[in-house]
Amino acid sequence: MPKPEHPLISVLKIESVESLKLSEPTSWCYDFYCIALKRVANANEVKLKYSQQTYDYNEGILSFVSPNQVLSLSIDKNTVQLKQSGWLLLIHPDFLWHTPLAQTIKQYDFWNYSVNEALFLSDKEEALLVNLIKNMEQEYHSNIDKFSKSIIISHLETLLNYADRFYHRQFITREKSSHQILERLENLLIDYFDSDDLTLKGLPTVGHIAQSLNLSPKYLSSLLKVLTGQNTQQHIHEKLIEKAKEKLSTTNLSISEIAYELGFEHLQSFSKLFKTKTEISPLEFRQSFN
């Protein structure tokens, strides 16, 4: 490949790169951000993992890889020639220095998503993003001046905001898949709260719940926020309060005993959370049934 026109940002047309021939599994790690809008003709023969999750490597997807994340490719045949088309946008973190995007770029959820939920684009959405990528390429190919960086950053921020919109649209349009996750979450929390795990291990963590659903914590919370208006932690607390109300209204256990059974070491912590969520104390709730 020729040397890049700019040392910190590059746009590559994937067809211009010699096709990758794989004879064995391989792994690598970028030290830059990579935004890829690409199709893979023989996707069924290749498996890509990012952050230990298998990538949904189908046609017409937009993917995001942040610096220092390990990617792994494996093959189903002895030798495969990876046939790809599309665009790659590569941005070194140094390019973002002294811009607001240096901080805000990390706040976009899709850098941390479990990428088995890749972003699928309509033709109209794809054309919009390709146009932004071409604008960035054109800008750094032109004579560099004091406006060049701010113009490229503006295009990049617009691209990221559109991608954020498209991800949230995908949560809604893939309704069946999303609601299946919601149903699995509900069953998982019911089983956990009905078992001895609550007493022995305490409240389940967001990480534990996400791992049990084979999703990343950020992806799960973002999905739930779109579907229900609550993140994963709020769902856990909601199930806890539901269980606490059940014990307060149907058993003779003391409030301390209930707090212990719900995984709290200290009564004060349980009472504080209960009052925060219900605006009354556990004792006041129990007395309301007398």
Foldseek 3Di string as FASTA:
>chain_A
DDDALDPFKHKDWVVVDAWDKDQFKDKDFAQWKKKWFKAWPPVVFKWKAWPNATALRHGGFIAIEGGPIMMMMGGDDRMDGTDMGGMMIIGHLVLCPPHPCNPCVVVQLRNPWRNNVTQHDDPVLRVVLVVLSVVLNVLSVDDDDPCSSVVNVVSVVVSSVSSSVSVLVVLVVVVVVLVVLVVVLVVVLVVCLVDQCQLVPNQDDLCRSQVVSVIHSSVQQVSCCSVPVGGPVVVSLVSLLVVLLCCLAPHPDDLVVSCNSRNHPDSVVVQVSNCVVVVDGSVVSSVVND
